[in-house]
């Protein structure tokens, strides 16, 4: 009786292990490579044949001639995909207030002439801490600093921002966003 119960159980375990642990992942990987190869390979962005980042993961930019993304809450370093998460600080937490105030001061120090209101996405981290996008308002807020640092007109920078803006999904859902890495690469090509 023991052998009658163990043998089928071991056989079923082996079959399901092969199907769900080997065949299914191989099939999904093959479909992903055939149908969505760019996404399946990490949405890597190349410049001059060399990878410079992913369009799905934000990067740290601090030079005034570049657009800056959302702050990252990952640690020990920013934009680290391994411990991806938000800060989990509530709106009444003093630590969140300190972080936001520090980020506001950094943005104001980088562009003291800009008296516009700072868009919230430039001072708060996203839920993942890896968001590669900023709002259109966040990009437009930074235009004067970037134009001045590059010695070009603000109109030229605004054109690049608009060219690199992704609209609402199906024209209805979400807000227009700008991928910071792609915008900064466009800046290097067209407004050195």
N, C-alpha and C. Protein backbone atom coordinates (compact mmCIF):
# COMPACT_ATOMS: atom_id res chain seq x y z
N UNK A 1 0.82 -1.19 0.00
CA UNK A 1 0.00 0.00 0.00
C UNK A 1 0.87 1.26 0.00
N UNK A 2 1.93 1.26 0.79
CA UNK A 2 2.83 2.41 0.86
C UNK A 2 3.42 2.71 -0.52
N UNK A 3 3.83 1.68 -1.23
CA UNK A 3 4.42 1.83 -2.55
C UNK A 3 3.37 2.33 -3.56
N UNK A 4 2.11 1.93 -3.38
CA UNK A 4 1.04 2.37 -4.28
C UNK A 4 0.77 3.86 -4.14
N UNK A 5 1.01 4.45 -2.99
CA UNK A 5 0.76 5.87 -2.77
C UNK A 5 1.98 6.73 -3.08
N UNK A 6 3.15 6.26 -2.74
CA UNK A 6 4.37 7.03 -2.93
C UNK A 6 4.75 7.13 -4.40
N UNK A 7 4.68 6.04 -5.11
CA UNK A 7 5.11 6.03 -6.51
C UNK A 7 4.32 7.03 -7.36
N UNK A 8 2.98 7.04 -7.31
CA UNK A 8 2.24 8.05 -8.11
C UNK A 8 2.52 9.48 -7.65
N UNK A 9 2.69 9.68 -6.35
CA UNK A 9 2.97 11.03 -5.84
C UNK A 9 4.32 11.54 -6.35
N UNK A 10 5.33 10.68 -6.34
CA UNK A 10 6.65 11.07 -6.84
C UNK A 10 6.59 11.32 -8.35
N UNK A 11 5.85 10.49 -9.07
CA UNK A 11 5.69 10.66 -10.51
C UNK A 11 5.00 11.99 -10.84
N UNK A 12 3.92 12.28 -10.13
CA UNK A 12 3.20 13.54 -10.35
C UNK A 12 4.10 14.74 -10.01
N UNK A 13 4.85 14.66 -8.90
CA UNK A 13 5.79 15.72 -8.54
C UNK A 13 6.82 15.93 -9.64
N UNK A 14 7.36 14.86 -10.20
CA UNK A 14 8.36 14.97 -11.27
C UNK A 14 7.75 15.59 -12.52
N UNK A 15 6.55 15.17 -12.87
CA UNK A 15 5.89 15.71 -14.06
C UNK A 15 5.63 17.21 -13.89
N UNK A 16 5.05 17.61 -12.77
CA UNK A 16 4.76 19.02 -12.54
C UNK A 16 6.03 19.85 -12.43
N UNK A 17 7.08 19.29 -11.88
CA UNK A 17 8.36 20.00 -11.80
C UNK A 17 8.89 20.29 -13.20
N UNK A 18 8.82 19.31 -14.08
CA UNK A 18 9.30 19.49 -15.45
C UNK A 18 8.41 20.49 -16.20
N UNK A 19 7.09 20.33 -16.06
CA UNK A 19 6.16 21.20 -16.80
C UNK A 19 6.24 22.65 -16.29
N UNK A 20 6.11 22.83 -14.97
CA UNK A 20 6.05 24.21 -14.44
C UNK A 20 7.43 24.81 -14.17
N UNK A 21 8.42 23.99 -13.99
CA UNK A 21 9.76 24.51 -13.68
C UNK A 21 10.69 24.60 -14.87
N UNK A 22 10.36 23.89 -15.96
CA UNK A 22 11.25 23.89 -17.13
C UNK A 22 10.50 24.28 -18.40
N UNK A 23 9.49 23.50 -18.77
CA UNK A 23 8.80 23.73 -20.04
C UNK A 23 8.07 25.07 -20.10
N UNK A 24 7.29 25.39 -19.07
CA UNK A 24 6.56 26.65 -19.06
C UNK A 24 7.51 27.86 -19.10
N UNK A 25 8.53 27.95 -18.25
CA UNK A 25 9.45 29.09 -18.35
C UNK A 25 10.14 29.19 -19.71
N UNK A 26 10.52 28.05 -20.29
CA UNK A 26 11.14 28.08 -21.62
C UNK A 26 10.16 28.59 -22.67
N UNK A 27 8.91 28.15 -22.60
CA UNK A 27 7.90 28.61 -23.57
C UNK A 27 7.64 30.10 -23.43
N UNK A 28 7.50 30.59 -22.22
CA UNK A 28 7.25 32.02 -22.00
C UNK A 28 8.45 32.84 -22.45
N UNK A 29 9.65 32.38 -22.17
CA UNK A 29 10.86 33.08 -22.61
C UNK A 29 10.92 33.13 -24.14
N UNK A 30 10.60 32.03 -24.80
CA UNK A 30 10.62 31.98 -26.27
C UNK A 30 9.58 32.94 -26.85
N UNK A 31 8.37 32.95 -26.31
CA UNK A 31 7.33 33.86 -26.79
C UNK A 31 7.76 35.31 -26.57
N UNK A 32 8.29 35.60 -25.39
CA UNK A 32 8.76 36.96 -25.10
C UNK A 32 9.85 37.41 -26.06
N UNK A 33 10.79 36.53 -26.36
CA UNK A 33 11.88 36.87 -27.27
C UNK A 33 11.38 37.08 -28.70
N UNK A 34 10.35 36.33 -29.09
CA UNK A 34 9.82 36.46 -30.45
C UNK A 34 8.89 37.67 -30.59
N UNK A 35 8.02 37.87 -29.61
CA UNK A 35 6.99 38.90 -29.73
C UNK A 35 7.45 40.27 -29.18
N UNK A 36 8.15 40.28 -28.06
CA UNK A 36 8.58 41.52 -27.41
C UNK A 36 10.07 41.47 -27.08
N UNK A 37 10.96 41.36 -28.05
CA UNK A 37 12.38 41.17 -27.72
C UNK A 37 13.00 42.33 -26.95
N UNK A 38 12.63 43.57 -27.25
CA UNK A 38 13.20 44.72 -26.54
C UNK A 38 12.82 44.68 -25.06
N UNK A 39 11.53 44.47 -24.80
CA UNK A 39 11.05 44.41 -23.41
C UNK A 39 11.59 43.19 -22.68
N UNK A 40 11.62 42.06 -23.35
CA UNK A 40 12.08 40.82 -22.71
C UNK A 40 13.55 40.89 -22.32
N UNK A 41 14.31 41.75 -22.98
CA UNK A 41 15.73 41.89 -22.69
C UNK A 41 16.04 43.11 -21.82
N UNK A 42 15.04 43.63 -21.12
CA UNK A 42 15.28 44.69 -20.16
C UNK A 42 15.11 46.10 -20.68
N UNK A 43 14.60 46.28 -21.89
CA UNK A 43 14.40 47.62 -22.47
C UNK A 43 15.67 48.46 -22.39
N UNK A 44 16.78 47.85 -22.77
CA UNK A 44 18.08 48.52 -22.70
C UNK A 44 18.16 49.63 -23.76
N UNK A 45 18.67 50.78 -23.35
CA UNK A 45 18.86 51.91 -24.24
C UNK A 45 20.34 51.96 -24.62
N UNK A 46 20.61 52.02 -25.92
CA UNK A 46 21.98 52.03 -26.42
C UNK A 46 22.33 53.40 -26.99
N UNK A 47 23.59 53.76 -26.85
CA UNK A 47 24.12 54.98 -27.46
C UNK A 47 25.47 54.62 -28.05
N UNK A 48 25.61 54.83 -29.34
CA UNK A 48 26.83 54.47 -30.05
C UNK A 48 27.17 52.99 -29.85
N UNK A 49 26.14 52.15 -29.84
CA UNK A 49 26.34 50.71 -29.70
C UNK A 49 26.64 50.23 -28.30
N UNK A 50 26.65 51.13 -27.33
CA UNK A 50 26.94 50.74 -25.94
C UNK A 50 25.72 50.97 -25.07
N UNK A 51 25.42 50.04 -24.16
CA UNK A 51 24.27 50.23 -23.28
C UNK A 51 24.53 51.38 -22.29
N UNK A 52 23.53 52.26 -22.14
CA UNK A 52 23.66 53.38 -21.21
C UNK A 52 22.61 53.35 -20.11
N UNK A 53 21.71 52.39 -20.19
CA UNK A 53 20.68 52.29 -19.16
C UNK A 53 19.47 51.56 -19.69
N UNK A 54 18.43 51.58 -18.90
CA UNK A 54 17.16 50.96 -19.28
C UNK A 54 16.09 52.04 -19.29
N UNK A 55 15.17 51.93 -20.22
CA UNK A 55 14.08 52.91 -20.26
C UNK A 55 13.06 52.64 -19.15
N UNK A 56 13.26 51.57 -18.38
CA UNK A 56 12.33 51.21 -17.31
C UNK A 56 12.84 51.53 -15.91
N UNK A 57 14.13 51.88 -15.78
CA UNK A 57 14.71 52.14 -14.47
C UNK A 57 15.36 53.51 -14.49
N UNK A 58 15.00 54.35 -13.53
CA UNK A 58 15.58 55.69 -13.45
C UNK A 58 17.07 55.65 -13.14
N UNK A 59 17.72 56.78 -13.39
CA UNK A 59 19.14 56.93 -13.09
C UNK A 59 19.36 58.26 -12.39
N UNK A 60 20.46 58.34 -11.69
CA UNK A 60 20.83 59.56 -10.99
C UNK A 60 21.50 60.53 -11.96
N UNK A 61 20.94 61.71 -12.11
CA UNK A 61 21.55 62.80 -12.87
C UNK A 61 21.66 63.98 -11.91
N UNK A 62 22.85 64.56 -11.81
CA UNK A 62 23.02 65.70 -10.91
C UNK A 62 23.67 66.90 -11.59
N UNK A 63 24.18 66.71 -12.80
CA UNK A 63 24.79 67.81 -13.54
C UNK A 63 23.69 68.79 -13.95
N UNK A 64 23.88 70.10 -13.77
CA UNK A 64 22.84 71.08 -14.12
C UNK A 64 22.44 71.06 -15.59
N UNK A 65 23.28 70.53 -16.46
CA UNK A 65 22.93 70.52 -17.89
C UNK A 65 22.02 69.35 -18.26
N UNK A 66 21.64 68.53 -17.28
CA UNK A 66 20.74 67.41 -17.52
C UNK A 66 19.45 67.58 -16.71
N UNK A 67 18.40 66.95 -17.20
CA UNK A 67 17.17 66.88 -16.42
C UNK A 67 17.35 65.87 -15.31
N UNK A 68 16.78 66.16 -14.17
CA UNK A 68 16.87 65.29 -13.01
C UNK A 68 15.55 64.55 -12.85
N UNK A 69 15.64 63.29 -12.45
CA UNK A 69 14.45 62.47 -12.28
C UNK A 69 13.89 62.58 -10.88
N UNK A 70 12.94 61.71 -10.61
CA UNK A 70 12.36 61.63 -9.27
C UNK A 70 13.41 61.12 -8.30
N UNK A 71 13.33 61.51 -7.06
CA UNK A 71 14.24 60.93 -6.07
C UNK A 71 13.97 59.43 -5.94
N UNK A 72 14.99 58.68 -5.58
CA UNK A 72 14.84 57.25 -5.39
C UNK A 72 14.91 56.94 -3.90
N UNK A 73 14.03 56.05 -3.46
CA UNK A 73 14.01 55.67 -2.04
C UNK A 73 14.76 54.37 -1.79
N UNK A 74 15.36 53.78 -2.84
CA UNK A 74 16.07 52.52 -2.64
C UNK A 74 17.38 52.78 -1.92
N UNK A 75 17.83 51.80 -1.17
CA UNK A 75 19.10 51.97 -0.47
C UNK A 75 19.89 50.68 -0.59
N UNK A 76 21.16 50.67 -0.43
CA UNK A 76 21.98 51.77 0.05
C UNK A 76 22.28 52.83 -1.03
N UNK A 77 21.99 52.54 -2.29
CA UNK A 77 22.20 53.53 -3.34
C UNK A 77 20.89 53.77 -4.07
N UNK A 78 20.75 54.94 -4.67
CA UNK A 78 19.54 55.26 -5.41
C UNK A 78 19.42 54.44 -6.68
N UNK A 79 18.18 54.22 -7.09
CA UNK A 79 17.84 53.50 -8.33
C UNK A 79 18.42 52.10 -8.37
N UNK A 80 18.52 51.46 -7.21
CA UNK A 80 19.02 50.09 -7.12
C UNK A 80 17.82 49.15 -7.27
N UNK A 81 17.76 48.37 -8.36
CA UNK A 81 16.57 47.53 -8.58
C UNK A 81 16.45 46.34 -7.63
N UNK A 82 17.50 45.97 -6.94
CA UNK A 82 17.42 44.80 -6.06
C UNK A 82 16.50 45.04 -4.87
N UNK A 83 16.64 46.14 -4.13
CA UNK A 83 15.72 46.37 -3.02
C UNK A 83 14.61 47.34 -3.39
N UNK A 84 14.08 47.23 -4.60
CA UNK A 84 13.09 48.18 -5.11
C UNK A 84 11.92 48.34 -4.14
N UNK A 85 11.71 49.58 -3.72
CA UNK A 85 10.57 49.89 -2.88
C UNK A 85 10.53 51.38 -2.65
N UNK A 86 9.40 51.83 -2.18
CA UNK A 86 9.27 53.23 -1.78
C UNK A 86 9.83 53.41 -0.39
N UNK A 87 9.73 54.61 0.10
CA UNK A 87 10.26 54.88 1.43
C UNK A 87 9.34 54.37 2.53
N UNK A 88 8.05 54.20 2.21
CA UNK A 88 7.03 53.79 3.17
C UNK A 88 6.86 54.79 4.31
N UNK A 89 7.26 56.04 4.07
CA UNK A 89 7.05 57.08 5.07
C UNK A 89 5.70 57.73 4.82
N UNK A 90 4.90 57.83 5.87
CA UNK A 90 3.58 58.42 5.75
C UNK A 90 3.66 59.93 5.65
N UNK A 91 2.57 60.58 5.26
CA UNK A 91 2.58 62.02 5.05
C UNK A 91 2.84 62.84 6.32
N UNK A 92 2.64 62.26 7.47
CA UNK A 92 2.90 62.98 8.72
C UNK A 92 4.25 62.65 9.33
N UNK A 93 5.02 61.80 8.67
CA UNK A 93 6.33 61.39 9.19
C UNK A 93 7.33 62.53 9.03
N UNK A 94 8.01 62.93 10.10
CA UNK A 94 8.99 64.02 10.01
C UNK A 94 10.15 63.71 9.06
N UNK A 95 10.51 62.44 8.92
CA UNK A 95 11.60 62.08 8.02
C UNK A 95 11.24 62.39 6.56
N UNK A 96 9.98 62.15 6.19
CA UNK A 96 9.54 62.48 4.84
C UNK A 96 9.58 63.98 4.62
N UNK A 97 9.13 64.72 5.59
CA UNK A 97 9.15 66.19 5.49
C UNK A 97 10.59 66.69 5.31
N UNK A 98 11.53 66.12 6.07
CA UNK A 98 12.94 66.52 5.95
C UNK A 98 13.49 66.21 4.57
N UNK A 99 13.15 65.04 4.04
CA UNK A 99 13.63 64.67 2.70
C UNK A 99 13.08 65.61 1.64
N UNK A 100 11.79 65.91 1.73
CA UNK A 100 11.17 66.80 0.76
C UNK A 100 11.78 68.20 0.87
N UNK A 101 11.96 68.70 2.08
CA UNK A 101 12.56 70.02 2.26
C UNK A 101 13.98 70.07 1.72
N UNK A 102 14.75 69.00 1.92
CA UNK A 102 16.12 68.94 1.40
C UNK A 102 16.11 68.96 -0.13
N UNK A 103 15.19 68.21 -0.72
CA UNK A 103 15.10 68.17 -2.18
C UNK A 103 14.66 69.53 -2.74
N UNK A 104 13.71 70.20 -2.07
CA UNK A 104 13.28 71.52 -2.50
C UNK A 104 14.45 72.49 -2.45
N UNK A 105 15.22 72.45 -1.37
CA UNK A 105 16.38 73.33 -1.24
C UNK A 105 17.40 73.05 -2.34
N UNK A 106 17.64 71.77 -2.65
CA UNK A 106 18.58 71.42 -3.70
C UNK A 106 18.13 71.99 -5.05
N UNK A 107 16.84 71.86 -5.36
CA UNK A 107 16.32 72.38 -6.63
C UNK A 107 16.39 73.90 -6.66
N UNK A 108 16.08 74.56 -5.54
CA UNK A 108 16.14 76.02 -5.49
C UNK A 108 17.59 76.51 -5.58
N UNK A 109 18.51 75.82 -4.93
CA UNK A 109 19.93 76.20 -5.00
C UNK A 109 20.49 76.01 -6.41
N UNK A 110 20.00 75.00 -7.12
CA UNK A 110 20.48 74.74 -8.48
C UNK A 110 19.96 75.77 -9.47
N UNK A 111 18.83 76.41 -9.17
CA UNK A 111 18.23 77.39 -10.07
C UNK A 111 17.54 78.48 -9.26
N UNK A 112 18.33 79.35 -8.60
CA UNK A 112 17.73 80.35 -7.70
C UNK A 112 16.81 81.35 -8.40
N UNK A 113 16.97 81.53 -9.70
CA UNK A 113 16.12 82.47 -10.44
C UNK A 113 14.73 81.92 -10.69
N UNK A 114 14.57 80.61 -10.63
CA UNK A 114 13.28 79.97 -10.92
C UNK A 114 12.38 80.09 -9.69
N UNK A 115 11.35 80.89 -9.79
CA UNK A 115 10.42 81.11 -8.67
C UNK A 115 9.12 80.33 -8.85
N UNK A 116 9.07 79.44 -9.85
CA UNK A 116 7.87 78.63 -10.08
C UNK A 116 7.69 77.62 -8.96
N UNK A 117 6.46 77.17 -8.80
CA UNK A 117 6.21 76.11 -7.83
C UNK A 117 6.87 74.83 -8.32
N UNK A 118 7.48 74.10 -7.41
CA UNK A 118 8.17 72.85 -7.76
C UNK A 118 7.15 71.73 -7.84
N UNK A 119 7.07 71.03 -8.98
CA UNK A 119 6.14 69.90 -9.08
C UNK A 119 6.47 68.82 -8.06
N UNK A 120 5.44 68.20 -7.53
CA UNK A 120 5.59 67.24 -6.43
C UNK A 120 6.45 66.04 -6.83
N UNK A 121 6.43 65.64 -8.09
CA UNK A 121 7.20 64.45 -8.47
C UNK A 121 8.70 64.70 -8.43
N UNK A 122 9.13 65.95 -8.39
CA UNK A 122 10.57 66.23 -8.29
C UNK A 122 11.09 66.17 -6.85
N UNK A 123 10.16 66.06 -5.89
CA UNK A 123 10.59 66.03 -4.48
C UNK A 123 10.13 64.79 -3.73
N UNK A 124 9.38 63.91 -4.39
CA UNK A 124 8.91 62.69 -3.74
C UNK A 124 9.27 61.48 -4.59
N UNK A 125 9.60 60.39 -3.93
CA UNK A 125 9.94 59.14 -4.62
C UNK A 125 8.67 58.42 -5.05
N UNK A 126 8.81 57.61 -6.08
CA UNK A 126 7.67 56.80 -6.53
C UNK A 126 7.57 55.56 -5.64
N UNK A 127 6.53 54.79 -5.83
CA UNK A 127 6.31 53.59 -5.01
C UNK A 127 7.43 52.57 -5.18
N UNK A 128 8.01 52.49 -6.37
CA UNK A 128 9.09 51.52 -6.60
C UNK A 128 10.45 52.10 -6.26
N UNK A 129 10.56 53.42 -6.27
CA UNK A 129 11.86 54.06 -6.08
C UNK A 129 12.71 54.02 -7.33
N UNK A 130 12.14 53.55 -8.46
CA UNK A 130 12.91 53.37 -9.69
C UNK A 130 12.31 54.11 -10.88
N UNK A 131 11.29 54.92 -10.67
CA UNK A 131 10.56 55.53 -11.77
C UNK A 131 11.48 56.29 -12.73
N UNK A 132 11.48 55.92 -14.02
CA UNK A 132 12.33 56.61 -14.99
C UNK A 132 11.68 57.86 -15.57
N UNK A 133 10.44 58.13 -15.20
CA UNK A 133 9.69 59.25 -15.78
C UNK A 133 9.48 60.38 -14.78
N UNK A 134 9.32 61.56 -15.33
CA UNK A 134 8.84 62.70 -14.56
C UNK A 134 7.64 63.26 -15.31
N UNK A 135 6.86 64.05 -14.62
CA UNK A 135 5.70 64.67 -15.26
C UNK A 135 6.18 65.72 -16.25
N UNK A 136 5.31 66.10 -17.15
CA UNK A 136 5.62 67.18 -18.09
C UNK A 136 5.92 68.46 -17.31
N UNK A 137 5.15 68.70 -16.25
CA UNK A 137 5.39 69.88 -15.40
C UNK A 137 6.77 69.81 -14.76
N UNK A 138 7.18 68.61 -14.34
CA UNK A 138 8.51 68.44 -13.74
C UNK A 138 9.62 68.74 -14.73
N UNK A 139 9.42 68.35 -15.99
CA UNK A 139 10.41 68.63 -17.02
C UNK A 139 10.44 70.12 -17.35
N UNK A 140 9.25 70.72 -17.52
CA UNK A 140 9.20 72.14 -17.88
C UNK A 140 9.77 73.02 -16.76
N UNK A 141 9.63 72.60 -15.51
CA UNK A 141 10.21 73.36 -14.40
C UNK A 141 11.73 73.45 -14.55
N UNK A 142 12.36 72.43 -15.08
CA UNK A 142 13.82 72.37 -15.17
C UNK A 142 14.39 73.04 -16.43
N UNK A 143 13.53 73.41 -17.36
CA UNK A 143 13.99 73.97 -18.64
C UNK A 143 14.94 75.17 -18.47
N UNK A 144 14.62 76.17 -17.64
CA UNK A 144 15.53 77.32 -17.53
C UNK A 144 16.96 76.93 -17.10
N UNK A 145 17.06 76.05 -16.11
CA UNK A 145 18.39 75.62 -15.63
C UNK A 145 19.16 74.89 -16.73
N UNK A 146 18.50 73.96 -17.40
CA UNK A 146 19.16 73.16 -18.43
C UNK A 146 19.58 74.05 -19.60
N UNK A 147 18.70 74.96 -20.02
CA UNK A 147 19.02 75.86 -21.15
C UNK A 147 20.21 76.76 -20.80
N UNK A 148 20.21 77.29 -19.59
CA UNK A 148 21.31 78.16 -19.16
C UNK A 148 22.62 77.37 -19.09
N UNK A 149 22.58 76.17 -18.55
CA UNK A 149 23.79 75.36 -18.41
C UNK A 149 24.35 74.94 -19.77
N UNK A 150 23.48 74.79 -20.75
CA UNK A 150 23.93 74.37 -22.08
C UNK A 150 24.15 75.55 -23.02
N UNK A 151 23.74 76.74 -22.61
CA UNK A 151 23.93 77.92 -23.45
C UNK A 151 23.06 77.91 -24.70
N UNK A 152 21.85 77.38 -24.56
CA UNK A 152 20.91 77.37 -25.68
C UNK A 152 19.60 78.01 -25.23
N UNK A 153 18.71 78.27 -26.19
CA UNK A 153 17.45 78.93 -25.85
C UNK A 153 16.51 77.96 -25.13
N UNK A 154 15.66 78.54 -24.29
CA UNK A 154 14.66 77.74 -23.60
C UNK A 154 13.68 77.11 -24.59
N UNK A 155 13.41 77.82 -25.68
CA UNK A 155 12.49 77.29 -26.69
C UNK A 155 13.03 75.98 -27.28
N UNK A 156 14.33 75.92 -27.51
CA UNK A 156 14.94 74.71 -28.06
C UNK A 156 14.79 73.54 -27.07
N UNK A 157 14.99 73.82 -25.80
CA UNK A 157 14.86 72.77 -24.79
C UNK A 157 13.39 72.35 -24.64
N UNK A 158 12.47 73.30 -24.69
CA UNK A 158 11.04 72.96 -24.60
C UNK A 158 10.64 72.07 -25.77
N UNK A 159 11.16 72.35 -26.97
CA UNK A 159 10.87 71.51 -28.13
C UNK A 159 11.32 70.07 -27.88
N UNK A 160 12.54 69.92 -27.33
CA UNK A 160 13.04 68.57 -27.03
C UNK A 160 12.18 67.87 -25.98
N UNK A 161 11.75 68.62 -24.98
CA UNK A 161 10.89 68.04 -23.94
C UNK A 161 9.60 67.53 -24.58
N UNK A 162 8.99 68.34 -25.42
CA UNK A 162 7.72 67.94 -26.05
C UNK A 162 7.91 66.76 -26.99
N UNK A 163 9.04 66.71 -27.70
CA UNK A 163 9.32 65.58 -28.58
C UNK A 163 9.51 64.29 -27.80
N UNK A 164 9.93 64.40 -26.55
CA UNK A 164 10.20 63.22 -25.72
C UNK A 164 9.12 62.98 -24.67
N UNK A 165 7.95 63.56 -24.89
CA UNK A 165 6.82 63.36 -23.97
C UNK A 165 5.93 62.26 -24.49
N UNK A 166 5.57 61.35 -23.62
CA UNK A 166 4.63 60.28 -23.93
C UNK A 166 3.27 60.71 -23.41
N UNK A 167 2.27 60.70 -24.28
CA UNK A 167 0.94 61.14 -23.89
C UNK A 167 0.21 60.12 -23.03
N UNK A 168 -1.02 60.44 -22.74
CA UNK A 168 -1.88 59.56 -21.95
C UNK A 168 -2.11 58.26 -22.69
N UNK A 169 -2.24 57.17 -21.94
CA UNK A 169 -2.54 55.87 -22.52
C UNK A 169 -3.93 55.91 -23.14
N UNK A 170 -4.02 55.59 -24.41
CA UNK A 170 -5.27 55.63 -25.17
C UNK A 170 -5.90 57.02 -25.14
N UNK A 171 -5.09 58.04 -24.87
CA UNK A 171 -5.58 59.41 -24.84
C UNK A 171 -6.43 59.74 -23.62
N UNK A 172 -6.56 58.79 -22.68
CA UNK A 172 -7.46 58.98 -21.54
C UNK A 172 -6.79 58.73 -20.20
N UNK A 173 -6.03 57.64 -20.10
CA UNK A 173 -5.53 57.19 -18.81
C UNK A 173 -4.16 57.78 -18.49
N UNK A 174 -3.97 58.20 -17.24
CA UNK A 174 -2.69 58.71 -16.79
C UNK A 174 -2.44 60.14 -17.23
N UNK A 175 -1.22 60.57 -17.03
CA UNK A 175 -0.79 61.91 -17.40
C UNK A 175 0.38 61.82 -18.36
N UNK A 176 0.61 62.86 -19.15
CA UNK A 176 1.80 62.86 -20.01
C UNK A 176 3.07 62.79 -19.15
N UNK A 177 4.03 61.97 -19.59
CA UNK A 177 5.28 61.81 -18.85
C UNK A 177 6.47 61.93 -19.79
N UNK A 178 7.62 62.17 -19.19
CA UNK A 178 8.87 62.31 -19.93
C UNK A 178 9.87 61.31 -19.36
N UNK A 179 10.45 60.46 -20.23
CA UNK A 179 11.48 59.54 -19.79
C UNK A 179 12.79 60.34 -19.68
N UNK A 180 13.33 60.44 -18.49
CA UNK A 180 14.48 61.31 -18.22
C UNK A 180 15.73 60.87 -18.99
N UNK A 181 16.01 59.58 -19.02
CA UNK A 181 17.19 59.09 -19.73
C UNK A 181 17.10 59.42 -21.22
N UNK A 182 15.96 59.13 -21.83
CA UNK A 182 15.82 59.39 -23.26
C UNK A 182 15.89 60.88 -23.57
N UNK A 183 15.32 61.72 -22.71
CA UNK A 183 15.40 63.17 -22.90
C UNK A 183 16.85 63.64 -22.79
N UNK A 184 17.58 63.14 -21.81
CA UNK A 184 18.97 63.56 -21.64
C UNK A 184 19.85 63.09 -22.81
N UNK A 185 19.57 61.92 -23.35
CA UNK A 185 20.31 61.47 -24.53
C UNK A 185 19.99 62.35 -25.73
N UNK A 186 18.73 62.75 -25.88
CA UNK A 186 18.35 63.67 -26.96
C UNK A 186 19.03 65.02 -26.79
N UNK A 187 19.16 65.47 -25.54
CA UNK A 187 19.86 66.73 -25.26
C UNK A 187 21.31 66.66 -25.73
N UNK A 188 21.98 65.57 -25.39
CA UNK A 188 23.39 65.43 -25.79
C UNK A 188 23.56 65.42 -27.30
N UNK A 189 22.57 64.89 -28.02
CA UNK A 189 22.67 64.83 -29.48
C UNK A 189 22.32 66.15 -30.15
N UNK A 190 21.32 66.86 -29.59
CA UNK A 190 20.81 68.02 -30.30
C UNK A 190 21.07 69.35 -29.65
N UNK A 191 21.53 69.37 -28.41
CA UNK A 191 21.79 70.64 -27.73
C UNK A 191 23.03 70.54 -26.87
N UNK A 192 24.16 70.18 -27.49
CA UNK A 192 25.38 70.00 -26.68
C UNK A 192 25.83 71.29 -26.13
